[in-house]
């Protein structure tokens, strides 16, 4: 449950950056409440799960650099904790960012 090191953190950032690009492409085309299948931003570099939330919901999480949106129960980086849920998804936060 606790992948270690910079690799897991890079994985999360890579997934979040890909989601930001998807968001940027879709924000002019879809309403903010439209459900979009974003990439799970967990620490597992082989994760293929999707997090389906509205554009505005995803952006609200992404606006905080210490927060990631993951499928509930997916791997987190040591030191992260769940701060909220969106249905079957969790918002996790890094303690020291």
C-alpha atoms as a PDB file:
ATOM      1  CA  UNK A   1       0.000   0.000   0.000  1.00  0.00           C
ATOM      2  CA  UNK A   2       2.968   2.335   0.472  1.00  0.00           C
ATOM      3  CA  UNK A   3       5.191   2.444  -2.602  1.00  0.00           C
ATOM      4  CA  UNK A   4       8.464   4.104  -1.705  1.00  0.00           C
ATOM      5  CA  UNK A   5      10.715   6.661  -3.265  1.00  0.00           C
ATOM      6  CA  UNK A   6      10.653   9.256  -5.935  1.00  0.00           C
ATOM      7  CA  UNK A   7       9.415   6.772  -8.534  1.00  0.00           C
ATOM      8  CA  UNK A   8       5.954   6.547  -6.951  1.00  0.00           C
ATOM      9  CA  UNK A   9       5.747  10.338  -6.639  1.00  0.00           C
ATOM     10  CA  UNK A  10       6.812  10.756 -10.282  1.00  0.00           C
ATOM     11  CA  UNK A  11       4.099   8.297 -11.277  1.00  0.00           C
ATOM     12  CA  UNK A  12       1.465  10.404  -9.534  1.00  0.00           C
ATOM     13  CA  UNK A  13       2.741  13.615 -11.133  1.00  0.00           C
ATOM     14  CA  UNK A  14       2.861  11.995 -14.578  1.00  0.00           C
ATOM     15  CA  UNK A  15      -0.750  10.820 -14.270  1.00  0.00           C
ATOM     16  CA  UNK A  16      -1.821  14.235 -12.977  1.00  0.00           C
ATOM     17  CA  UNK A  17      -0.071  16.023 -15.859  1.00  0.00           C
ATOM     18  CA  UNK A  18      -1.763  13.731 -18.394  1.00  0.00           C
ATOM     19  CA  UNK A  19      -5.111  14.459 -16.746  1.00  0.00           C
ATOM     20  CA  UNK A  20      -4.424  18.197 -16.924  1.00  0.00           C
ATOM     21  CA  UNK A  21      -3.833  17.924 -20.665  1.00  0.00           C
ATOM     22  CA  UNK A  22      -7.087  15.970 -21.063  1.00  0.00           C
ATOM     23  CA  UNK A  23      -8.921  18.557 -18.977  1.00  0.00           C
ATOM     24  CA  UNK A  24      -7.494  21.422 -21.044  1.00  0.00           C
ATOM     25  CA  UNK A  25      -8.658  19.816 -24.288  1.00  0.00           C
ATOM     26  CA  UNK A  26     -12.161  19.044 -23.001  1.00  0.00           C
ATOM     27  CA  UNK A  27     -12.967  22.124 -20.921  1.00  0.00           C
ATOM     28  CA  UNK A  28     -14.020  24.173 -23.949  1.00  0.00           C
ATOM     29  CA  UNK A  29     -16.057  21.309 -25.403  1.00  0.00           C
ATOM     30  CA  UNK A  30     -17.979  19.935 -22.406  1.00  0.00           C
ATOM     31  CA  UNK A  31     -19.942  21.327 -19.497  1.00  0.00           C
ATOM     32  CA  UNK A  32     -18.161  21.438 -16.137  1.00  0.00           C
ATOM     33  CA  UNK A  33     -20.502  18.785 -14.729  1.00  0.00           C
ATOM     34  CA  UNK A  34     -19.957  16.307 -17.575  1.00  0.00           C
ATOM     35  CA  UNK A  35     -18.381  13.084 -16.335  1.00  0.00           C
ATOM     36  CA  UNK A  36     -14.939  12.393 -17.793  1.00  0.00           C
ATOM     37  CA  UNK A  37     -12.782   9.277 -17.350  1.00  0.00           C
ATOM     38  CA  UNK A  38      -9.533  10.640 -15.920  1.00  0.00           C
ATOM     39  CA  UNK A  39      -6.522   8.449 -15.130  1.00  0.00           C
ATOM     40  CA  UNK A  40      -6.296   7.244 -11.527  1.00  0.00           C
ATOM     41  CA  UNK A  41      -3.498   9.289  -9.917  1.00  0.00           C
ATOM     42  CA  UNK A  42      -2.368   6.550  -7.535  1.00  0.00           C
ATOM     43  CA  UNK A  43       1.259   5.573  -6.972  1.00  0.00           C
ATOM     44  CA  UNK A  44       1.056   2.354  -9.041  1.00  0.00           C
ATOM     45  CA  UNK A  45       2.823   2.948 -12.363  1.00  0.00           C
ATOM     46  CA  UNK A  46       0.903   0.033 -13.927  1.00  0.00           C
ATOM     47  CA  UNK A  47      -2.559   1.230 -12.872  1.00  0.00           C
ATOM     48  CA  UNK A  48      -5.057   1.367 -15.711  1.00  0.00           C
ATOM     49  CA  UNK A  49      -8.075   2.409 -13.628  1.00  0.00           C
ATOM     50  CA  UNK A  50     -10.204   5.420 -14.459  1.00  0.00           C
ATOM     51  CA  UNK A  51     -11.673   8.032 -12.153  1.00  0.00           C
ATOM     52  CA  UNK A  52     -14.939   9.311 -13.603  1.00  0.00           C
ATOM     53  CA  UNK A  53     -15.787  12.753 -12.251  1.00  0.00           C
ATOM     54  CA  UNK A  54     -16.908  16.090 -13.620  1.00  0.00           C
ATOM     55  CA  UNK A  55     -14.381  18.477 -15.126  1.00  0.00           C
ATOM     56  CA  UNK A  56     -14.912  20.977 -12.316  1.00  0.00           C
ATOM     57  CA  UNK A  57     -14.558  18.277  -9.647  1.00  0.00           C
ATOM     58  CA  UNK A  58     -11.245  17.112 -11.079  1.00  0.00           C
ATOM     59  CA  UNK A  59      -9.945  20.687 -11.411  1.00  0.00           C
ATOM     60  CA  UNK A  60     -10.860  21.484  -7.805  1.00  0.00           C
ATOM     61  CA  UNK A  61      -8.569  18.641  -6.679  1.00  0.00           C
ATOM     62  CA  UNK A  62      -5.817  19.457  -9.199  1.00  0.00           C
ATOM     63  CA  UNK A  63      -5.733  23.104  -8.115  1.00  0.00           C
ATOM     64  CA  UNK A  64      -3.974  21.892  -4.959  1.00  0.00           C
ATOM     65  CA  UNK A  65      -0.481  20.562  -5.849  1.00  0.00           C
ATOM     66  CA  UNK A  66      -0.502  18.284  -2.798  1.00  0.00           C
ATOM     67  CA  UNK A  67      -3.738  16.473  -3.762  1.00  0.00           C
ATOM     68  CA  UNK A  68      -4.446  13.536  -6.046  1.00  0.00           C
ATOM     69  CA  UNK A  69      -7.642  11.754  -7.091  1.00  0.00           C
ATOM     70  CA  UNK A  70      -7.475   7.963  -6.902  1.00  0.00           C
ATOM     71  CA  UNK A  71      -9.731   4.912  -6.899  1.00  0.00           C
ATOM     72  CA  UNK A  72     -10.497   4.060  -3.268  1.00  0.00           C
ATOM     73  CA  UNK A  73      -7.964   1.650  -1.840  1.00  0.00           C
ATOM     74  CA  UNK A  74      -5.343   2.142  -4.544  1.00  0.00           C
ATOM     75  CA  UNK A  75      -1.678   2.560  -3.537  1.00  0.00           C
ATOM     76  CA  UNK A  76      -0.590   5.831  -2.018  1.00  0.00           C
ATOM     77  CA  UNK A  77       2.814   7.246  -1.275  1.00  0.00           C
ATOM     78  CA  UNK A  78       3.848   6.885   2.355  1.00  0.00           C
ATOM     79  CA  UNK A  79       2.740   9.974   4.251  1.00  0.00           C
ATOM     80  CA  UNK A  80      -0.389  10.584   2.173  1.00  0.00           C
ATOM     81  CA  UNK A  81      -3.775  10.446   3.810  1.00  0.00           C
ATOM     82  CA  UNK A  82      -7.359  10.446   2.551  1.00  0.00           C
ATOM     83  CA  UNK A  83      -8.932  13.855   3.081  1.00  0.00           C
ATOM     84  CA  UNK A  84     -12.239  13.369   1.223  1.00  0.00           C
ATOM     85  CA  UNK A  85     -14.174  11.077  -1.076  1.00  0.00           C
ATOM     86  CA  UNK A  86     -16.071  11.526  -4.328  1.00  0.00           C
ATOM     87  CA  UNK A  87     -18.248   8.424  -4.550  1.00  0.00           C
ATOM     88  CA  UNK A  88     -15.913   5.440  -5.072  1.00  0.00           C
ATOM     89  CA  UNK A  89     -12.892   7.727  -5.371  1.00  0.00           C
ATOM     90  CA  UNK A  90     -10.590   9.228  -2.761  1.00  0.00           C
ATOM     91  CA  UNK A  91      -8.809  12.560  -2.590  1.00  0.00           C
ATOM     92  CA  UNK A  92      -5.422  12.000  -1.020  1.00  0.00           C
ATOM     93  CA  UNK A  93      -3.068  14.653   0.257  1.00  0.00           C
ATOM     94  CA  UNK A  94       0.647  14.702   0.918  1.00  0.00           C
ATOM     95  CA  UNK A  95       1.476  15.788   4.442  1.00  0.00           C
ATOM     96  CA  UNK A  96       4.545  17.887   3.623  1.00  0.00           C
ATOM     97  CA  UNK A  97       3.919  19.567   0.252  1.00  0.00           C
END
